Amino acid sequence: AQLTARTSLRDIETCLRAQQPSSITWFPSRV
């Protein structure tokens, strides 16, 4: 969130879910 300049929990969740299927294999589950 800090590196991608996310400003809210909703913003963090949306960004992580958008990236989840492809490039974020380091994260074990959906947040």
PDB file of all heavy atoms in Angstrom:
ATOM      1  N   ALA A   1       0.831  -1.211   0.000  1.00  0.00           N
ATOM      2  CA  ALA A   1       0.000   0.000   0.000  1.00  0.00           C
ATOM      3  C   ALA A   1       0.865   1.260   0.000  1.00  0.00           C
ATOM      4  O   ALA A   1       0.570   2.231  -0.712  1.00  0.00           O
ATOM      5  CB  ALA A   1      -0.929   0.001   1.211  1.00  0.00           C
ATOM      6  N   GLN A   2       1.923   1.241   0.772  1.00  0.00           N
ATOM      7  CA  GLN A   2       2.809   2.405   0.836  1.00  0.00           C
ATOM      8  C   GLN A   2       3.514   2.640  -0.503  1.00  0.00           C
ATOM      9  O   GLN A   2       3.567   3.770  -1.002  1.00  0.00           O
ATOM     10  CB  GLN A   2       3.852   2.196   1.938  1.00  0.00           C
ATOM     11  CG  GLN A   2       4.763   3.358   2.163  1.00  0.00           C
ATOM     12  CD  GLN A   2       4.063   4.532   2.825  1.00  0.00           C
ATOM     13  OE1 GLN A   2       3.158   4.346   3.608  1.00  0.00           O
ATOM     14  NE2 GLN A   2       4.487   5.727   2.504  1.00  0.00           N
ATOM     15  N   LEU A   3       4.020   1.577  -1.100  1.00  0.00           N
ATOM     16  CA  LEU A   3       4.760   1.710  -2.357  1.00  0.00           C
ATOM     17  C   LEU A   3       3.860   2.076  -3.542  1.00  0.00           C
ATOM     18  O   LEU A   3       4.324   2.684  -4.501  1.00  0.00           O
ATOM     19  CB  LEU A   3       5.510   0.423  -2.672  1.00  0.00           C
ATOM     20  CG  LEU A   3       6.675   0.091  -1.743  1.00  0.00           C
ATOM     21  CD1 LEU A   3       7.243  -1.272  -2.070  1.00  0.00           C
ATOM     22  CD2 LEU A   3       7.751   1.161  -1.819  1.00  0.00           C
ATOM     23  N   THR A   4       2.600   1.708  -3.470  1.00  0.00           N
ATOM     24  CA  THR A   4       1.680   2.011  -4.569  1.00  0.00           C
ATOM     25  C   THR A   4       0.781   3.206  -4.262  1.00  0.00           C
ATOM     26  O   THR A   4      -0.157   3.473  -5.002  1.00  0.00           O
ATOM     27  CB  THR A   4       0.803   0.788  -4.908  1.00  0.00           C
ATOM     28  OG1 THR A   4       0.085   0.379  -3.740  1.00  0.00           O
ATOM     29  CG2 THR A   4       1.649  -0.345  -5.440  1.00  0.00           C
ATOM     30  N   ALA A   5       1.070   3.899  -3.171  1.00  0.00           N
ATOM     31  CA  ALA A   5       0.367   5.135  -2.779  1.00  0.00           C
ATOM     32  C   ALA A   5      -1.141   4.925  -2.596  1.00  0.00           C
ATOM     33  O   ALA A   5      -1.947   5.735  -3.021  1.00  0.00           O
ATOM     34  CB  ALA A   5       0.640   6.250  -3.783  1.00  0.00           C
ATOM     35  N   ARG A   6      -1.501   3.840  -1.946  1.00  0.00           N
ATOM     36  CA  ARG A   6      -2.911   3.594  -1.626  1.00  0.00           C
ATOM     37  C   ARG A   6      -3.285   4.451  -0.425  1.00  0.00           C
ATOM     38  O   ARG A   6      -2.469   4.647   0.477  1.00  0.00           O
ATOM     39  CB  ARG A   6      -3.185   2.125  -1.286  1.00  0.00           C
ATOM     40  CG  ARG A   6      -2.798   1.137  -2.347  1.00  0.00           C
ATOM     41  CD  ARG A   6      -3.620   1.308  -3.596  1.00  0.00           C
ATOM     42  NE  ARG A   6      -2.723   1.706  -4.667  1.00  0.00           N
ATOM     43  CZ  ARG A   6      -3.100   2.277  -5.793  1.00  0.00           C
ATOM     44  NH1 ARG A   6      -4.351   2.551  -6.013  1.00  0.00           N
ATOM     45  NH2 ARG A   6      -2.232   2.591  -6.708  1.00  0.00           N
ATOM     46  N   THR A   7      -4.509   4.973  -0.397  1.00  0.00           N
ATOM     47  CA  THR A   7      -4.885   5.930   0.643  1.00  0.00           C
ATOM     48  C   THR A   7      -5.973   5.433   1.587  1.00  0.00           C
ATOM     49  O   THR A   7      -6.258   6.092   2.570  1.00  0.00           O
ATOM     50  CB  THR A   7      -5.368   7.248   0.005  1.00  0.00           C
ATOM     51  OG1 THR A   7      -6.445   6.954  -0.885  1.00  0.00           O
ATOM     52  CG2 THR A   7      -4.237   7.912  -0.748  1.00  0.00           C
ATOM     53  N   SER A   8      -6.588   4.298   1.296  1.00  0.00           N
ATOM     54  CA  SER A   8      -7.648   3.799   2.165  1.00  0.00           C
ATOM     55  C   SER A   8      -7.670   2.277   2.126  1.00  0.00           C
ATOM     56  O   SER A   8      -7.068   1.647   1.249  1.00  0.00           O
ATOM     57  CB  SER A   8      -9.005   4.339   1.713  1.00  0.00           C
ATOM     58  OG  SER A   8      -9.351   3.799   0.456  1.00  0.00           O
ATOM     59  N   LEU A   9      -8.381   1.702   3.082  1.00  0.00           N
ATOM     60  CA  LEU A   9      -8.501   0.248   3.108  1.00  0.00           C
ATOM     61  C   LEU A   9      -9.204  -0.270   1.864  1.00  0.00           C
ATOM     62  O   LEU A   9      -8.837  -1.304   1.301  1.00  0.00           O
ATOM     63  CB  LEU A   9      -9.256  -0.203   4.356  1.00  0.00           C
ATOM     64  CG  LEU A   9      -8.530   0.003   5.681  1.00  0.00           C
ATOM     65  CD1 LEU A   9      -9.434  -0.396   6.838  1.00  0.00           C
ATOM     66  CD2 LEU A   9      -7.247  -0.774   5.722  1.00  0.00           C
ATOM     67  N   ARG A  10     -10.220   0.451   1.431  1.00  0.00           N
ATOM     68  CA  ARG A  10     -10.940   0.054   0.216  1.00  0.00           C
ATOM     69  C   ARG A  10     -10.006   0.100  -0.994  1.00  0.00           C
ATOM     70  O   ARG A  10     -10.032  -0.773  -1.866  1.00  0.00           O
ATOM     71  CB  ARG A  10     -12.136   0.970  -0.005  1.00  0.00           C
ATOM     72  CG  ARG A  10     -13.019   0.548  -1.173  1.00  0.00           C
ATOM     73  CD  ARG A  10     -14.204   1.491  -1.311  1.00  0.00           C
ATOM     74  NE  ARG A  10     -14.984   1.628  -0.112  1.00  0.00           N
ATOM     75  CZ  ARG A  10     -16.027   0.854   0.207  1.00  0.00           C
ATOM     76  NH1 ARG A  10     -16.400  -0.104  -0.604  1.00  0.00           N
ATOM     77  NH2 ARG A  10     -16.680   1.049   1.321  1.00  0.00           N
ATOM     78  N   ASP A  11      -9.170   1.107  -1.045  1.00  0.00           N
ATOM     79  CA  ASP A  11      -8.211   1.252  -2.136  1.00  0.00           C
ATOM     80  C   ASP A  11      -7.186   0.117  -2.118  1.00  0.00           C
ATOM     81  O   ASP A  11      -6.836  -0.448  -3.161  1.00  0.00           O
ATOM     82  CB  ASP A  11      -7.522   2.611  -2.001  1.00  0.00           C
ATOM     83  CG  ASP A  11      -6.832   3.062  -3.261  1.00  0.00           C
ATOM     84  OD1 ASP A  11      -7.079   2.470  -4.326  1.00  0.00           O
ATOM     85  OD2 ASP A  11      -6.053   4.034  -3.172  1.00  0.00           O
ATOM     86  N   ILE A  12      -6.708  -0.245  -0.928  1.00  0.00           N
ATOM     87  CA  ILE A  12      -5.758  -1.357  -0.791  1.00  0.00           C
ATOM     88  C   ILE A  12      -6.406  -2.654  -1.258  1.00  0.00           C
ATOM     89  O   ILE A  12      -5.826  -3.415  -2.041  1.00  0.00           O
ATOM     90  CB  ILE A  12      -5.280  -1.489   0.670  1.00  0.00           C
ATOM     91  CG1 ILE A  12      -4.467  -0.270   1.094  1.00  0.00           C
ATOM     92  CG2 ILE A  12      -4.450  -2.764   0.851  1.00  0.00           C
ATOM     93  CD1 ILE A  12      -4.203  -0.197   2.586  1.00  0.00           C
ATOM     94  N   GLU A  13      -7.620  -2.907  -0.788  1.00  0.00           N
ATOM     95  CA  GLU A  13      -8.329  -4.133  -1.148  1.00  0.00           C
ATOM     96  C   GLU A  13      -8.549  -4.224  -2.659  1.00  0.00           C
ATOM     97  O   GLU A  13      -8.300  -5.266  -3.274  1.00  0.00           O
ATOM     98  CB  GLU A  13      -9.676  -4.183  -0.434  1.00  0.00           C
ATOM     99  CG  GLU A  13     -10.524  -5.371  -0.815  1.00  0.00           C
ATOM    100  CD  GLU A  13     -11.942  -5.252  -0.308  1.00  0.00           C
ATOM    101  OE1 GLU A  13     -12.487  -4.142  -0.257  1.00  0.00           O
ATOM    102  OE2 GLU A  13     -12.508  -6.306   0.007  1.00  0.00           O
ATOM    103  N   THR A  14      -8.990  -3.141  -3.262  1.00  0.00           N
ATOM    104  CA  THR A  14      -9.255  -3.123  -4.694  1.00  0.00           C
ATOM    105  C   THR A  14      -7.988  -3.389  -5.496  1.00  0.00           C
ATOM    106  O   THR A  14      -7.987  -4.190  -6.440  1.00  0.00           O
ATOM    107  CB  THR A  14      -9.871  -1.779  -5.111  1.00  0.00           C
ATOM    108  OG1 THR A  14     -11.051  -1.563  -4.345  1.00  0.00           O
ATOM    109  CG2 THR A  14     -10.186  -1.741  -6.580  1.00  0.00           C
ATOM    110  N   CYS A  15      -6.905  -2.743  -5.106  1.00  0.00           N
ATOM    111  CA  CYS A  15      -5.646  -2.913  -5.827  1.00  0.00           C
ATOM    112  C   CYS A  15      -5.115  -4.342  -5.682  1.00  0.00           C
ATOM    113  O   CYS A  15      -4.669  -4.951  -6.651  1.00  0.00           O
ATOM    114  CB  CYS A  15      -4.625  -1.908  -5.319  1.00  0.00           C
ATOM    115  SG  CYS A  15      -3.117  -1.878  -6.276  1.00  0.00           S
ATOM    116  N   LEU A  16      -5.171  -4.901  -4.478  1.00  0.00           N
ATOM    117  CA  LEU A  16      -4.698  -6.265  -4.275  1.00  0.00           C
ATOM    118  C   LEU A  16      -5.549  -7.274  -5.026  1.00  0.00           C
ATOM    119  O   LEU A  16      -5.033  -8.229  -5.600  1.00  0.00           O
ATOM    120  CB  LEU A  16      -4.677  -6.606  -2.781  1.00  0.00           C
ATOM    121  CG  LEU A  16      -3.538  -5.999  -1.979  1.00  0.00           C
ATOM    122  CD1 LEU A  16      -3.734  -6.276  -0.498  1.00  0.00           C
ATOM    123  CD2 LEU A  16      -2.200  -6.529  -2.447  1.00  0.00           C
ATOM    124  N   ARG A  17      -6.851  -7.077  -5.041  1.00  0.00           N
ATOM    125  CA  ARG A  17      -7.724  -8.012  -5.754  1.00  0.00           C
ATOM    126  C   ARG A  17      -7.542  -7.912  -7.260  1.00  0.00           C
ATOM    127  O   ARG A  17      -7.687  -8.895  -7.974  1.00  0.00           O
ATOM    128  CB  ARG A  17      -9.176  -7.779  -5.378  1.00  0.00           C
ATOM    129  CG  ARG A  17      -9.458  -8.290  -3.989  1.00  0.00           C
ATOM    130  CD  ARG A  17     -10.897  -8.385  -3.702  1.00  0.00           C
ATOM    131  NE  ARG A  17     -11.056  -8.895  -2.349  1.00  0.00           N
ATOM    132  CZ  ARG A  17     -12.197  -9.189  -1.817  1.00  0.00           C
ATOM    133  NH1 ARG A  17     -13.303  -9.012  -2.500  1.00  0.00           N
ATOM    134  NH2 ARG A  17     -12.267  -9.643  -0.594  1.00  0.00           N
ATOM    135  N   ALA A  18      -7.231  -6.731  -7.748  1.00  0.00           N
ATOM    136  CA  ALA A  18      -7.000  -6.579  -9.185  1.00  0.00           C
ATOM    137  C   ALA A  18      -5.718  -7.283  -9.613  1.00  0.00           C
ATOM    138  O   ALA A  18      -5.633  -7.812 -10.717  1.00  0.00           O
ATOM    139  CB  ALA A  18      -6.923  -5.100  -9.547  1.00  0.00           C
ATOM    140  N   GLN A  19      -4.732  -7.308  -8.738  1.00  0.00           N
ATOM    141  CA  GLN A  19      -3.448  -7.931  -9.049  1.00  0.00           C
ATOM    142  C   GLN A  19      -3.403  -9.414  -8.716  1.00  0.00           C
ATOM    143  O   GLN A  19      -2.552 -10.128  -9.214  1.00  0.00           O
ATOM    144  CB  GLN A  19      -2.327  -7.237  -8.266  1.00  0.00           C
ATOM    145  CG  GLN A  19      -2.170  -5.782  -8.555  1.00  0.00           C
ATOM    146  CD  GLN A  19      -1.667  -5.522  -9.955  1.00  0.00           C
ATOM    147  OE1 GLN A  19      -0.885  -6.292 -10.476  1.00  0.00           O
ATOM    148  NE2 GLN A  19      -2.119  -4.460 -10.557  1.00  0.00           N
ATOM    149  N   GLN A  20      -4.296  -9.890  -7.884  1.00  0.00           N
ATOM    150  CA  GLN A  20      -4.220 -11.238  -7.320  1.00  0.00           C
ATOM    151  C   GLN A  20      -4.039 -12.364  -8.329  1.00  0.00           C
ATOM    152  O   GLN A  20      -3.144 -13.163  -8.173  1.00  0.00           O
ATOM    153  CB  GLN A  20      -5.458 -11.507  -6.456  1.00  0.00           C
ATOM    154  CG  GLN A  20      -5.346 -12.758  -5.608  1.00  0.00           C
ATOM    155  CD  GLN A  20      -4.396 -12.592  -4.456  1.00  0.00           C
ATOM    156  OE1 GLN A  20      -4.241 -11.512  -3.938  1.00  0.00           O
ATOM    157  NE2 GLN A  20      -3.761 -13.660  -4.067  1.00  0.00           N
ATOM    158  N   PRO A  21      -4.852 -12.471  -9.353  1.00  0.00           N
ATOM    159  CA  PRO A  21      -4.718 -13.656 -10.209  1.00  0.00           C
ATOM    160  C   PRO A  21      -3.397 -13.739 -10.965  1.00  0.00           C
ATOM    161  O   PRO A  21      -2.944 -14.828 -11.287  1.00  0.00           O
ATOM    162  CB  PRO A  21      -5.873 -13.515 -11.203  1.00  0.00           C
ATOM    163  CG  PRO A  21      -6.769 -12.493 -10.641  1.00  0.00           C
ATOM    164  CD  PRO A  21      -5.952 -11.640  -9.746  1.00  0.00           C
ATOM    165  N   SER A  22      -2.769 -12.622 -11.230  1.00  0.00           N
ATOM    166  CA  SER A  22      -1.616 -12.669 -12.112  1.00  0.00           C
ATOM    167  C   SER A  22      -0.278 -12.556 -11.405  1.00  0.00           C
ATOM    168  O   SER A  22       0.500 -13.496 -11.397  1.00  0.00           O
ATOM    169  CB  SER A  22      -1.737 -11.561 -13.155  1.00  0.00           C
ATOM    170  OG  SER A  22      -1.811 -10.304 -12.508  1.00  0.00           O
ATOM    171  N   SER A  23      -0.013 -11.438 -10.785  1.00  0.00           N
ATOM    172  CA  SER A  23       1.369 -11.166 -10.391  1.00  0.00           C
ATOM    173  C   SER A  23       1.664 -11.259  -8.909  1.00  0.00           C
ATOM    174  O   SER A  23       2.820 -11.290  -8.531  1.00  0.00           O
ATOM    175  CB  SER A  23       1.770  -9.780 -10.885  1.00  0.00           C
ATOM    176  OG  SER A  23       0.949  -8.810 -10.279  1.00  0.00           O
ATOM    177  N   ILE A  24       0.660 -11.286  -8.058  1.00  0.00           N
ATOM    178  CA  ILE A  24       0.958 -11.308  -6.627  1.00  0.00           C
ATOM    179  C   ILE A  24       0.856 -12.731  -6.118  1.00  0.00           C
ATOM    180  O   ILE A  24      -0.108 -13.123  -5.491  1.00  0.00           O
ATOM    181  CB  ILE A  24       0.021 -10.371  -5.847  1.00  0.00           C
ATOM    182  CG1 ILE A  24       0.125  -8.959  -6.387  1.00  0.00           C
ATOM    183  CG2 ILE A  24       0.392 -10.368  -4.372  1.00  0.00           C
ATOM    184  CD1 ILE A  24      -0.693  -7.949  -5.659  1.00  0.00           C
ATOM    185  N   THR A  25       1.867 -13.494  -6.383  1.00  0.00           N
ATOM    186  CA  THR A  25       1.883 -14.873  -5.914  1.00  0.00           C
ATOM    187  C   THR A  25       2.496 -14.966  -4.533  1.00  0.00           C
ATOM    188  O   THR A  25       2.468 -16.029  -3.923  1.00  0.00           O
ATOM    189  CB  THR A  25       2.672 -15.755  -6.886  1.00  0.00           C
ATOM    190  OG1 THR A  25       3.993 -15.207  -7.018  1.00  0.00           O
ATOM    191  CG2 THR A  25       1.992 -15.806  -8.235  1.00  0.00           C
ATOM    192  N   TRP A  26       3.034 -13.877  -4.019  1.00  0.00           N
ATOM    193  CA  TRP A  26       3.645 -13.871  -2.698  1.00  0.00           C
ATOM    194  C   TRP A  26       2.607 -13.848  -1.606  1.00  0.00           C
ATOM    195  O   TRP A  26       2.906 -14.122  -0.460  1.00  0.00           O
ATOM    196  CB  TRP A  26       4.573 -12.669  -2.536  1.00  0.00           C
ATOM    197  CG  TRP A  26       3.947 -11.370  -2.938  1.00  0.00           C
ATOM    198  CD1 TRP A  26       4.048 -10.768  -4.154  1.00  0.00           C
ATOM    199  CD2 TRP A  26       3.101 -10.524  -2.169  1.00  0.00           C
ATOM    200  NE1 TRP A  26       3.321  -9.612  -4.171  1.00  0.00           N
ATOM    201  CE2 TRP A  26       2.730  -9.430  -2.965  1.00  0.00           C
ATOM    202  CE3 TRP A  26       2.624 -10.578  -0.873  1.00  0.00           C
ATOM    203  CZ2 TRP A  26       1.911  -8.407  -2.516  1.00  0.00           C
ATOM    204  CZ3 TRP A  26       1.803  -9.560  -0.419  1.00  0.00           C
ATOM    205  CH2 TRP A  26       1.464  -8.496  -1.244  1.00  0.00           C
ATOM    206  N   PHE A  27       1.343 -13.536  -1.952  1.00  0.00           N
ATOM    207  CA  PHE A  27       0.334 -13.388  -0.916  1.00  0.00           C
ATOM    208  C   PHE A  27      -0.571 -14.606  -0.891  1.00  0.00           C
ATOM    209  O   PHE A  27      -1.113 -14.990  -1.910  1.00  0.00           O
ATOM    210  CB  PHE A  27      -0.469 -12.113  -1.152  1.00  0.00           C
ATOM    211  CG  PHE A  27      -1.071 -11.599   0.106  1.00  0.00           C
ATOM    212  CD1 PHE A  27      -0.282 -11.011   1.065  1.00  0.00           C
ATOM    213  CD2 PHE A  27      -2.411 -11.761   0.357  1.00  0.00           C
ATOM    214  CE1 PHE A  27      -0.818 -10.568   2.247  1.00  0.00           C
ATOM    215  CE2 PHE A  27      -2.965 -11.323   1.533  1.00  0.00           C
ATOM    216  CZ  PHE A  27      -2.170 -10.717   2.483  1.00  0.00           C
ATOM    217  N   PRO A  28      -0.728 -15.228   0.274  1.00  0.00           N
ATOM    218  CA  PRO A  28      -1.412 -16.516   0.325  1.00  0.00           C
ATOM    219  C   PRO A  28      -2.921 -16.486   0.115  1.00  0.00           C
ATOM    220  O   PRO A  28      -3.497 -17.460  -0.315  1.00  0.00           O
ATOM    221  CB  PRO A  28      -1.098 -17.025   1.729  1.00  0.00           C
ATOM    222  CG  PRO A  28      -0.834 -15.802   2.527  1.00  0.00           C
ATOM    223  CD  PRO A  28      -0.223 -14.818   1.560  1.00  0.00           C
ATOM    224  N   SER A  29      -3.585 -15.411   0.432  1.00  0.00           N
ATOM    225  CA  SER A  29      -5.038 -15.396   0.318  1.00  0.00           C
ATOM    226  C   SER A  29      -5.535 -13.996  -0.029  1.00  0.00           C
ATOM    227  O   SER A  29      -4.780 -13.039  -0.008  1.00  0.00           O
ATOM    228  CB  SER A  29      -5.680 -15.850   1.630  1.00  0.00           C
ATOM    229  OG  SER A  29      -5.338 -14.940   2.658  1.00  0.00           O
ATOM    230  N   ARG A  30      -6.811 -13.910  -0.327  1.00  0.00           N
ATOM    231  CA  ARG A  30      -7.407 -12.615  -0.627  1.00  0.00           C
ATOM    232  C   ARG A  30      -7.583 -11.822   0.662  1.00  0.00           C
ATOM    233  O   ARG A  30      -7.897 -12.377   1.709  1.00  0.00           O
ATOM    234  CB  ARG A  30      -8.746 -12.811  -1.297  1.00  0.00           C
ATOM    235  CG  ARG A  30      -8.602 -13.474  -2.650  1.00  0.00           C
ATOM    236  CD  ARG A  30      -9.906 -13.678  -3.288  1.00  0.00           C
ATOM    237  NE  ARG A  30     -10.468 -12.386  -3.669  1.00  0.00           N
ATOM    238  CZ  ARG A  30     -11.520 -12.244  -4.442  1.00  0.00           C
ATOM    239  NH1 ARG A  30     -12.121 -13.291  -4.926  1.00  0.00           N
ATOM    240  NH2 ARG A  30     -11.971 -11.049  -4.743  1.00  0.00           N
ATOM    241  N   VAL A  31      -7.402 -10.540   0.567  1.00  0.00           N
ATOM    242  CA  VAL A  31      -7.501  -9.668   1.729  1.00  0.00           C
ATOM    243  C   VAL A  31      -8.772  -8.843   1.626  1.00  0.00           C
ATOM    244  O   VAL A  31      -9.025  -8.210   0.600  1.00  0.00           O
ATOM    245  CB  VAL A  31      -6.287  -8.714   1.807  1.00  0.00           C
ATOM    246  CG1 VAL A  31      -6.410  -7.804   2.997  1.00  0.00           C
ATOM    247  CG2 VAL A  31      -5.012  -9.492   1.861  1.00  0.00           C
TER     248      VAL A  31
END
